[in-house]
Amino acid sequence: FLTGMPTYLILVEMQIRCFQLAWHKNRFRTL
């Protein structure tokens, strides 16, 4: 269970972070 847990946690975290940034790309470019 713990062998698969790290890749699952980082995948969920990165999906949230990546696509939240993708939604605000223009704001990021302005910054």
Full PDB file with SEQRES, HELIX, SHEET, SSBOND, CRYST1, ORIGX, SCALE, CONECT and MASTER records, all heavy atoms in Angstrom:
SEQRES   1 A   31  PHE LEU THR GLY MET PRO THR TYR LEU ILE LEU VAL GLU          
SEQRES   2 A   31  MET GLN ILE ARG CYS PHE GLN LEU ALA TRP HIS LYS ASN          
SEQRES   3 A   31  ARG PHE ARG THR LEU                                          
HELIX    1 AA1 MET A    5  TRP A   23  1                                  19    
HELIX    2 AA2 LYS A   25  THR A   30  1                                   6    
CRYST1    1.000    1.000    1.000  90.00  90.00  90.00 P 1           1          
ORIGX1      1.000000  0.000000  0.000000        0.00000                         
ORIGX2      0.000000  1.000000  0.000000        0.00000                         
ORIGX3      0.000000  0.000000  1.000000        0.00000                         
SCALE1      1.000000  0.000000  0.000000        0.00000                         
SCALE2      0.000000  1.000000  0.000000        0.00000                         
SCALE3      0.000000  0.000000  1.000000        0.00000                         
ATOM      1  N   PHE A   1       0.833  -1.204   0.000  1.00  0.00           N  
ATOM      2  CA  PHE A   1       0.000   0.000   0.000  1.00  0.00           C  
ATOM      3  C   PHE A   1       0.873   1.261   0.000  1.00  0.00           C  
ATOM      4  O   PHE A   1       0.647   2.189  -0.779  1.00  0.00           O  
ATOM      5  CB  PHE A   1      -0.917  -0.016   1.222  1.00  0.00           C  
ATOM      6  CG  PHE A   1      -1.844   1.164   1.302  1.00  0.00           C  
ATOM      7  CD1 PHE A   1      -3.036   1.185   0.583  1.00  0.00           C  
ATOM      8  CD2 PHE A   1      -1.543   2.262   2.098  1.00  0.00           C  
ATOM      9  CE1 PHE A   1      -3.893   2.279   0.661  1.00  0.00           C  
ATOM     10  CE2 PHE A   1      -2.384   3.347   2.183  1.00  0.00           C  
ATOM     11  CZ  PHE A   1      -3.568   3.359   1.459  1.00  0.00           C  
ATOM     12  N   LEU A   2       1.895   1.265   0.854  1.00  0.00           N  
ATOM     13  CA  LEU A   2       2.768   2.442   0.948  1.00  0.00           C  
ATOM     14  C   LEU A   2       3.744   2.527  -0.217  1.00  0.00           C  
ATOM     15  O   LEU A   2       4.333   3.581  -0.443  1.00  0.00           O  
ATOM     16  CB  LEU A   2       3.525   2.424   2.274  1.00  0.00           C  
ATOM     17  CG  LEU A   2       2.664   2.724   3.499  1.00  0.00           C  
ATOM     18  CD1 LEU A   2       3.455   2.552   4.775  1.00  0.00           C  
ATOM     19  CD2 LEU A   2       2.091   4.132   3.425  1.00  0.00           C  
ATOM     20  N   THR A   3       3.925   1.423  -0.957  1.00  0.00           N  
ATOM     21  CA  THR A   3       4.738   1.494  -2.169  1.00  0.00           C  
ATOM     22  C   THR A   3       4.048   2.343  -3.238  1.00  0.00           C  
ATOM     23  O   THR A   3       4.687   3.103  -3.969  1.00  0.00           O  
ATOM     24  CB  THR A   3       4.995   0.081  -2.721  1.00  0.00           C  
ATOM     25  OG1 THR A   3       5.706  -0.682  -1.739  1.00  0.00           O  
ATOM     26  CG2 THR A   3       5.817   0.129  -3.999  1.00  0.00           C  
ATOM     27  N   GLY A   4       2.721   2.219  -3.313  1.00  0.00           N  
ATOM     28  CA  GLY A   4       1.971   2.996  -4.301  1.00  0.00           C  
ATOM     29  C   GLY A   4       1.518   4.348  -3.818  1.00  0.00           C  
ATOM     30  O   GLY A   4       1.141   5.209  -4.629  1.00  0.00           O  
ATOM     31  N   MET A   5       1.557   4.577  -2.495  1.00  0.00           N  
ATOM     32  CA  MET A   5       1.040   5.831  -1.950  1.00  0.00           C  
ATOM     33  C   MET A   5       1.816   7.071  -2.419  1.00  0.00           C  
ATOM     34  O   MET A   5       1.195   8.080  -2.791  1.00  0.00           O  
ATOM     35  CB  MET A   5       1.017   5.758  -0.419  1.00  0.00           C  
ATOM     36  CG  MET A   5       0.500   7.016   0.260  1.00  0.00           C  
ATOM     37  SD  MET A   5      -1.203   7.441  -0.252  1.00  0.00           S  
ATOM     38  CE  MET A   5      -2.126   6.182   0.635  1.00  0.00           C  
ATOM     39  N   PRO A   6       3.172   7.078  -2.417  1.00  0.00           N  
ATOM     40  CA  PRO A   6       3.870   8.309  -2.813  1.00  0.00           C  
ATOM     41  C   PRO A   6       3.533   8.767  -4.229  1.00  0.00           C  
ATOM     42  O   PRO A   6       3.316   9.966  -4.464  1.00  0.00           O  
ATOM     43  CB  PRO A   6       5.352   7.932  -2.684  1.00  0.00           C  
ATOM     44  CG  PRO A   6       5.376   6.819  -1.690  1.00  0.00           C  
ATOM     45  CD  PRO A   6       4.119   6.059  -1.940  1.00  0.00           C  
ATOM     46  N   THR A   7       3.524   7.821  -5.201  1.00  0.00           N  
ATOM     47  CA  THR A   7       3.239   8.233  -6.581  1.00  0.00           C  
ATOM     48  C   THR A   7       1.800   8.732  -6.713  1.00  0.00           C  
ATOM     49  O   THR A   7       1.529   9.655  -7.489  1.00  0.00           O  
ATOM     50  CB  THR A   7       3.474   7.063  -7.548  1.00  0.00           C  
ATOM     51  OG1 THR A   7       2.791   5.899  -7.078  1.00  0.00           O  
ATOM     52  CG2 THR A   7       4.953   6.754  -7.670  1.00  0.00           C  
ATOM     53  N   TYR A   8       0.872   8.134  -5.949  1.00  0.00           N  
ATOM     54  CA  TYR A   8      -0.517   8.603  -6.010  1.00  0.00           C  
ATOM     55  C   TYR A   8      -0.642  10.000  -5.408  1.00  0.00           C  
ATOM     56  O   TYR A   8      -1.300  10.884  -5.985  1.00  0.00           O  
ATOM     57  CB  TYR A   8      -1.430   7.629  -5.267  1.00  0.00           C  
ATOM     58  CG  TYR A   8      -2.876   8.075  -5.258  1.00  0.00           C  
ATOM     59  CD1 TYR A   8      -3.641   8.056  -6.428  1.00  0.00           C  
ATOM     60  CD2 TYR A   8      -3.470   8.548  -4.084  1.00  0.00           C  
ATOM     61  CE1 TYR A   8      -4.961   8.487  -6.430  1.00  0.00           C  
ATOM     62  CE2 TYR A   8      -4.786   8.972  -4.076  1.00  0.00           C  
ATOM     63  CZ  TYR A   8      -5.526   8.950  -5.252  1.00  0.00           C  
ATOM     64  OH  TYR A   8      -6.843   9.380  -5.247  1.00  0.00           O  
ATOM     65  N   LEU A   9      -0.008  10.235  -4.255  1.00  0.00           N  
ATOM     66  CA  LEU A   9      -0.091  11.550  -3.614  1.00  0.00           C  
ATOM     67  C   LEU A   9       0.500  12.641  -4.494  1.00  0.00           C  
ATOM     68  O   LEU A   9      -0.096  13.715  -4.659  1.00  0.00           O  
ATOM     69  CB  LEU A   9       0.629  11.515  -2.266  1.00  0.00           C  
ATOM     70  CG  LEU A   9      -0.053  10.772  -1.122  1.00  0.00           C  
ATOM     71  CD1 LEU A   9       0.826  10.768   0.117  1.00  0.00           C  
ATOM     72  CD2 LEU A   9      -1.406  11.388  -0.800  1.00  0.00           C  
ATOM     73  N   ILE A  10       1.686  12.367  -5.063  1.00  0.00           N  
ATOM     74  CA  ILE A  10       2.325  13.407  -5.876  1.00  0.00           C  
ATOM     75  C   ILE A  10       1.547  13.637  -7.153  1.00  0.00           C  
ATOM     76  O   ILE A  10       1.500  14.762  -7.683  1.00  0.00           O  
ATOM     77  CB  ILE A  10       3.805  13.038  -6.176  1.00  0.00           C  
ATOM     78  CG1 ILE A  10       4.597  14.292  -6.579  1.00  0.00           C  
ATOM     79  CG2 ILE A  10       3.911  11.989  -7.261  1.00  0.00           C  
ATOM     80  CD1 ILE A  10       4.742  15.306  -5.492  1.00  0.00           C  
ATOM     81  N   LEU A  11       0.886  12.595  -7.674  1.00  0.00           N  
ATOM     82  CA  LEU A  11       0.087  12.750  -8.884  1.00  0.00           C  
ATOM     83  C   LEU A  11      -1.114  13.648  -8.629  1.00  0.00           C  
ATOM     84  O   LEU A  11      -1.422  14.551  -9.423  1.00  0.00           O  
ATOM     85  CB  LEU A  11      -0.374  11.374  -9.376  1.00  0.00           C  
ATOM     86  CG  LEU A  11      -1.034  11.337 -10.751  1.00  0.00           C  
ATOM     87  CD1 LEU A  11      -0.031  11.677 -11.847  1.00  0.00           C  
ATOM     88  CD2 LEU A  11      -1.625   9.948 -11.013  1.00  0.00           C  
ATOM     89  N   VAL A  12      -1.799  13.421  -7.511  1.00  0.00           N  
ATOM     90  CA  VAL A  12      -2.956  14.259  -7.173  1.00  0.00           C  
ATOM     91  C   VAL A  12      -2.510  15.696  -6.923  1.00  0.00           C  
ATOM     92  O   VAL A  12      -3.127  16.654  -7.415  1.00  0.00           O  
ATOM     93  CB  VAL A  12      -3.686  13.696  -5.938  1.00  0.00           C  
ATOM     94  CG1 VAL A  12      -4.812  14.635  -5.505  1.00  0.00           C  
ATOM     95  CG2 VAL A  12      -4.255  12.315  -6.235  1.00  0.00           C  
ATOM     96  N   GLU A  13      -1.414  15.856  -6.162  1.00  0.00           N  
ATOM     97  CA  GLU A  13      -0.903  17.204  -5.880  1.00  0.00           C  
ATOM     98  C   GLU A  13      -0.552  17.943  -7.165  1.00  0.00           C  
ATOM     99  O   GLU A  13      -0.925  19.109  -7.351  1.00  0.00           O  
ATOM    100  CB  GLU A  13       0.333  17.112  -4.987  1.00  0.00           C  
ATOM    101  CG  GLU A  13       0.966  18.462  -4.702  1.00  0.00           C  
ATOM    102  CD  GLU A  13       2.337  18.354  -4.057  1.00  0.00           C  
ATOM    103  OE1 GLU A  13       2.643  17.299  -3.478  1.00  0.00           O  
ATOM    104  OE2 GLU A  13       3.118  19.339  -4.130  1.00  0.00           O  
ATOM    105  N   MET A  14       0.162  17.264  -8.057  1.00  0.00           N  
ATOM    106  CA  MET A  14       0.598  17.918  -9.286  1.00  0.00           C  
ATOM    107  C   MET A  14      -0.563  18.196 -10.234  1.00  0.00           C  
ATOM    108  O   MET A  14      -0.557  19.189 -10.962  1.00  0.00           O  
ATOM    109  CB  MET A  14       1.649  17.062  -9.995  1.00  0.00           C  
ATOM    110  CG  MET A  14       3.002  17.062  -9.328  1.00  0.00           C  
ATOM    111  SD  MET A  14       3.748  18.728  -9.248  1.00  0.00           S  
ATOM    112  CE  MET A  14       3.486  19.102  -7.519  1.00  0.00           C  
ATOM    113  N   GLN A  15      -1.576  17.333 -10.224  1.00  0.00           N  
ATOM    114  CA  GLN A  15      -2.734  17.612 -11.074  1.00  0.00           C  
ATOM    115  C   GLN A  15      -3.428  18.881 -10.615  1.00  0.00           C  
ATOM    116  O   GLN A  15      -3.827  19.720 -11.432  1.00  0.00           O  
ATOM    117  CB  GLN A  15      -3.721  16.442 -11.057  1.00  0.00           C  
ATOM    118  CG  GLN A  15      -4.893  16.657 -12.010  1.00  0.00           C  
ATOM    119  CD  GLN A  15      -5.704  15.396 -12.248  1.00  0.00           C  
ATOM    120  OE1 GLN A  15      -5.505  14.379 -11.593  1.00  0.00           O  
ATOM    121  NE2 GLN A  15      -6.620  15.451 -13.194  1.00  0.00           N  
ATOM    122  N   ILE A  16      -3.549  19.048  -9.307  1.00  0.00           N  
ATOM    123  CA  ILE A  16      -4.170  20.267  -8.776  1.00  0.00           C  
ATOM    124  C   ILE A  16      -3.312  21.486  -9.105  1.00  0.00           C  
ATOM    125  O   ILE A  16      -3.807  22.502  -9.621  1.00  0.00           O  
ATOM    126  CB  ILE A  16      -4.381  20.143  -7.259  1.00  0.00           C  
ATOM    127  CG1 ILE A  16      -5.364  19.021  -6.940  1.00  0.00           C  
ATOM    128  CG2 ILE A  16      -4.890  21.469  -6.683  1.00  0.00           C  
ATOM    129  CD1 ILE A  16      -5.477  18.711  -5.456  1.00  0.00           C  
ATOM    130  N   ARG A  17      -2.017  21.395  -8.820  1.00  0.00           N  
ATOM    131  CA  ARG A  17      -1.149  22.556  -9.009  1.00  0.00           C  
ATOM    132  C   ARG A  17      -0.947  22.899 -10.479  1.00  0.00           C  
ATOM    133  O   ARG A  17      -1.021  24.077 -10.873  1.00  0.00           O  
ATOM    134  CB  ARG A  17       0.202  22.291  -8.350  1.00  0.00           C  
ATOM    135  CG  ARG A  17       0.167  22.330  -6.830  1.00  0.00           C  
ATOM    136  CD  ARG A  17       1.477  21.858  -6.206  1.00  0.00           C  
ATOM    137  NE  ARG A  17       2.613  22.649  -6.665  1.00  0.00           N  
ATOM    138  CZ  ARG A  17       3.873  22.374  -6.357  1.00  0.00           C  
ATOM    139  NH1 ARG A  17       4.148  21.330  -5.601  1.00  0.00           N  
ATOM    140  NH2 ARG A  17       4.853  23.146  -6.807  1.00  0.00           N  
ATOM    141  N   CYS A  18      -0.691  21.891 -11.305  1.00  0.00           N  
ATOM    142  CA  CYS A  18      -0.432  22.141 -12.731  1.00  0.00           C  
ATOM    143  C   CYS A  18      -1.629  22.779 -13.417  1.00  0.00           C  
ATOM    144  O   CYS A  18      -1.492  23.780 -14.129  1.00  0.00           O  
ATOM    145  CB  CYS A  18      -0.075  20.840 -13.442  1.00  0.00           C  
ATOM    146  SG  CYS A  18       1.627  20.306 -13.207  1.00  0.00           S  
ATOM    147  N   PHE A  19      -2.793  22.208 -13.199  1.00  0.00           N  
ATOM    148  CA  PHE A  19      -3.946  22.682 -13.958  1.00  0.00           C  
ATOM    149  C   PHE A  19      -4.574  23.925 -13.330  1.00  0.00           C  
ATOM    150  O   PHE A  19      -5.262  24.682 -14.026  1.00  0.00           O  
ATOM    151  CB  PHE A  19      -4.953  21.550 -14.134  1.00  0.00           C  
ATOM    152  CG  PHE A  19      -4.460  20.493 -15.092  1.00  0.00           C  
ATOM    153  CD1 PHE A  19      -3.810  19.360 -14.633  1.00  0.00           C  
ATOM    154  CD2 PHE A  19      -4.597  20.673 -16.461  1.00  0.00           C  
ATOM    155  CE1 PHE A  19      -3.321  18.405 -15.517  1.00  0.00           C  
ATOM    156  CE2 PHE A  19      -4.120  19.724 -17.354  1.00  0.00           C  
ATOM    157  CZ  PHE A  19      -3.473  18.594 -16.879  1.00  0.00           C  
ATOM    158  N   GLN A  20      -4.309  24.181 -12.044  1.00  0.00           N  
ATOM    159  CA  GLN A  20      -4.690  25.479 -11.490  1.00  0.00           C  
ATOM    160  C   GLN A  20      -3.846  26.575 -12.122  1.00  0.00           C  
ATOM    161  O   GLN A  20      -4.354  27.649 -12.460  1.00  0.00           O  
ATOM    162  CB  GLN A  20      -4.502  25.469  -9.967  1.00  0.00           C  
ATOM    163  CG  GLN A  20      -5.104  26.685  -9.258  1.00  0.00           C  
ATOM    164  CD  GLN A  20      -4.156  27.855  -9.121  1.00  0.00           C  
ATOM    165  OE1 GLN A  20      -2.940  27.713  -9.318  1.00  0.00           O  
ATOM    166  NE2 GLN A  20      -4.690  29.024  -8.798  1.00  0.00           N  
ATOM    167  N   LEU A  21      -2.552  26.294 -12.310  1.00  0.00           N  
ATOM    168  CA  LEU A  21      -1.686  27.250 -13.002  1.00  0.00           C  
ATOM    169  C   LEU A  21      -2.073  27.382 -14.466  1.00  0.00           C  
ATOM    170  O   LEU A  21      -2.077  28.489 -15.022  1.00  0.00           O  
ATOM    171  CB  LEU A  21      -0.229  26.808 -12.876  1.00  0.00           C  
ATOM    172  CG  LEU A  21       0.832  27.641 -13.629  1.00  0.00           C  
ATOM    173  CD1 LEU A  21       0.714  29.115 -13.290  1.00  0.00           C  
ATOM    174  CD2 LEU A  21       2.231  27.131 -13.306  1.00  0.00           C  
ATOM    175  N   ALA A  22      -2.418  26.266 -15.105  1.00  0.00           N  
ATOM    176  CA  ALA A  22      -2.832  26.316 -16.507  1.00  0.00           C  
ATOM    177  C   ALA A  22      -4.065  27.203 -16.685  1.00  0.00           C  
ATOM    178  O   ALA A  22      -4.211  27.891 -17.700  1.00  0.00           O  
ATOM    179  CB  ALA A  22      -3.114  24.905 -17.016  1.00  0.00           C  
ATOM    180  N   TRP A  23      -4.944  27.195 -15.683  1.00  0.00           N  
ATOM    181  CA  TRP A  23      -6.158  28.011 -15.754  1.00  0.00           C  
ATOM    182  C   TRP A  23      -5.833  29.505 -15.653  1.00  0.00           C  
ATOM    183  O   TRP A  23      -6.571  30.345 -16.148  1.00  0.00           O  
ATOM    184  CB  TRP A  23      -7.110  27.604 -14.618  1.00  0.00           C  
ATOM    185  CG  TRP A  23      -8.455  28.239 -14.674  1.00  0.00           C  
ATOM    186  CD1 TRP A  23      -8.896  29.309 -13.953  1.00  0.00           C  
ATOM    187  CD2 TRP A  23      -9.561  27.849 -15.504  1.00  0.00           C  
ATOM    188  NE1 TRP A  23     -10.195  29.620 -14.271  1.00  0.00           N  
ATOM    189  CE2 TRP A  23     -10.628  28.733 -15.215  1.00  0.00           C  
ATOM    190  CE3 TRP A  23      -9.740  26.850 -16.450  1.00  0.00           C  
ATOM    191  CZ2 TRP A  23     -11.858  28.630 -15.854  1.00  0.00           C  
ATOM    192  CZ3 TRP A  23     -10.973  26.747 -17.084  1.00  0.00           C  
ATOM    193  CH2 TRP A  23     -12.011  27.630 -16.786  1.00  0.00           C  
ATOM    194  N   HIS A  24      -4.695  29.832 -15.004  1.00  0.00           N  
ATOM    195  CA  HIS A  24      -4.319  31.241 -14.796  1.00  0.00           C  
ATOM    196  C   HIS A  24      -3.013  31.571 -15.513  1.00  0.00           C  
ATOM    197  O   HIS A  24      -2.199  32.356 -15.008  1.00  0.00           O  
ATOM    198  CB  HIS A  24      -4.179  31.523 -13.301  1.00  0.00           C  
ATOM    199  CG  HIS A  24      -5.446  31.353 -12.524  1.00  0.00           C  
ATOM    200  ND1 HIS A  24      -6.494  32.242 -12.601  1.00  0.00           N  
ATOM    201  CD2 HIS A  24      -5.843  30.384 -11.653  1.00  0.00           C  
ATOM    202  CE1 HIS A  24      -7.476  31.848 -11.807  1.00  0.00           C  
ATOM    203  NE2 HIS A  24      -7.105  30.721 -11.223  1.00  0.00           N  
ATOM    204  N   LYS A  25      -2.796  30.997 -16.678  1.00  0.00           N  
ATOM    205  CA  LYS A  25      -1.534  31.210 -17.387  1.00  0.00           C  
ATOM    206  C   LYS A  25      -1.285  32.674 -17.730  1.00  0.00           C  
ATOM    207  O   LYS A  25      -0.154  33.161 -17.638  1.00  0.00           O  
ATOM    208  CB  LYS A  25      -1.517  30.386 -18.678  1.00  0.00           C  
ATOM    209  CG  LYS A  25      -1.077  28.948 -18.499  1.00  0.00           C  
ATOM    210  CD  LYS A  25      -0.896  28.293 -19.847  1.00  0.00           C  
ATOM    211  CE  LYS A  25      -0.415  26.862 -19.705  1.00  0.00           C  
ATOM    212  NZ  LYS A  25      -0.164  26.237 -21.017  1.00  0.00           N  
ATOM    213  N   ASN A  26      -2.304  33.375 -18.150  1.00  0.00           N  
ATOM    214  CA  ASN A  26      -2.117  34.775 -18.545  1.00  0.00           C  
ATOM    215  C   ASN A  26      -1.681  35.623 -17.353  1.00  0.00           C  
ATOM    216  O   ASN A  26      -0.835  36.524 -17.483  1.00  0.00           O  
ATOM    217  CB  ASN A  26      -3.397  35.332 -19.159  1.00  0.00           C  
ATOM    218  CG  ASN A  26      -3.697  34.720 -20.517  1.00  0.00           C  
ATOM    219  OD1 ASN A  26      -2.800  34.201 -21.191  1.00  0.00           O  
ATOM    220  ND2 ASN A  26      -4.944  34.762 -20.933  1.00  0.00           N  
ATOM    221  N   ARG A  27      -2.263  35.341 -16.184  1.00  0.00           N  
ATOM    222  CA  ARG A  27      -1.861  36.070 -14.972  1.00  0.00           C  
ATOM    223  C   ARG A  27      -0.417  35.762 -14.610  1.00  0.00           C  
ATOM    224  O   ARG A  27       0.343  36.653 -14.204  1.00  0.00           O  
ATOM    225  CB  ARG A  27      -2.795  35.688 -13.817  1.00  0.00           C  
ATOM    226  CG  ARG A  27      -2.566  36.494 -12.539  1.00  0.00           C  
ATOM    227  CD  ARG A  27      -3.543  36.099 -11.456  1.00  0.00           C  
ATOM    228  NE  ARG A  27      -3.260  34.750 -10.946  1.00  0.00           N  
ATOM    229  CZ  ARG A  27      -4.045  34.112 -10.079  1.00  0.00           C  
ATOM    230  NH1 ARG A  27      -5.162  34.691  -9.644  1.00  0.00           N  
ATOM    231  NH2 ARG A  27      -3.723  32.905  -9.651  1.00  0.00           N  
ATOM    232  N   PHE A  28      -0.029  34.503 -14.777  1.00  0.00           N  
ATOM    233  CA  PHE A  28       1.353  34.102 -14.510  1.00  0.00           C  
ATOM    234  C   PHE A  28       2.314  34.800 -15.472  1.00  0.00           C  
ATOM    235  O   PHE A  28       3.378  35.273 -15.068  1.00  0.00           O  
ATOM    236  CB  PHE A  28       1.467  32.588 -14.632  1.00  0.00           C  
ATOM    237  CG  PHE A  28       2.851  32.044 -14.385  1.00  0.00           C  
ATOM    238  CD1 PHE A  28       3.587  32.444 -13.281  1.00  0.00           C  
ATOM    239  CD2 PHE A  28       3.416  31.132 -15.260  1.00  0.00           C  
ATOM    240  CE1 PHE A  28       4.859  31.943 -13.047  1.00  0.00           C  
ATOM    241  CE2 PHE A  28       4.690  30.626 -15.039  1.00  0.00           C  
ATOM    242  CZ  PHE A  28       5.411  31.033 -13.929  1.00  0.00           C  
ATOM    243  N   ARG A  29       1.937  34.899 -16.746  1.00  0.00           N  
ATOM    244  CA  ARG A  29       2.778  35.583 -17.722  1.00  0.00           C  
ATOM    245  C   ARG A  29       2.912  37.069 -17.378  1.00  0.00           C  
ATOM    246  O   ARG A  29       4.014  37.641 -17.476  1.00  0.00           O  
ATOM    247  CB  ARG A  29       2.189  35.428 -19.127  1.00  0.00           C  
ATOM    248  CG  ARG A  29       3.042  36.053 -20.223  1.00  0.00           C  
ATOM    249  CD  ARG A  29       2.371  35.887 -21.569  1.00  0.00           C  
ATOM    250  NE  ARG A  29       1.084  36.555 -21.590  1.00  0.00           N  
ATOM    251  CZ  ARG A  29       0.030  36.139 -22.307  1.00  0.00           C  
ATOM    252  NH1 ARG A  29       0.125  35.069 -23.068  1.00  0.00           N  
ATOM    253  NH2 ARG A  29      -1.111  36.793 -22.269  1.00  0.00           N  
ATOM    254  N   THR A  30       1.820  37.704 -16.950  1.00  0.00           N  
ATOM    255  CA  THR A  30       1.881  39.108 -16.548  1.00  0.00           C  
ATOM    256  C   THR A  30       2.816  39.314 -15.368  1.00  0.00           C  
ATOM    257  O   THR A  30       3.579  40.285 -15.315  1.00  0.00           O  
ATOM    258  CB  THR A  30       0.472  39.609 -16.191  1.00  0.00           C  
ATOM    259  OG1 THR A  30      -0.403  39.443 -17.324  1.00  0.00           O  
ATOM    260  CG2 THR A  30       0.495  41.073 -15.794  1.00  0.00           C  
ATOM    261  N   LEU A  31       2.787  38.369 -14.423  1.00  0.00           N  
ATOM    262  CA  LEU A  31       3.686  38.445 -13.276  1.00  0.00           C  
ATOM    263  C   LEU A  31       5.139  38.311 -13.713  1.00  0.00           C  
ATOM    264  O   LEU A  31       6.017  39.047 -13.243  1.00  0.00           O  
ATOM    265  CB  LEU A  31       3.327  37.347 -12.273  1.00  0.00           C  
ATOM    266  CG  LEU A  31       4.153  37.309 -10.981  1.00  0.00           C  
ATOM    267  CD1 LEU A  31       3.905  38.573 -10.156  1.00  0.00           C  
ATOM    268  CD2 LEU A  31       3.815  36.072 -10.156  1.00  0.00           C  
TER     269      LEU A  31                                                      
MASTER        0    0    0    2    0    0    0    6  268    1    0    3          
END                                                                             
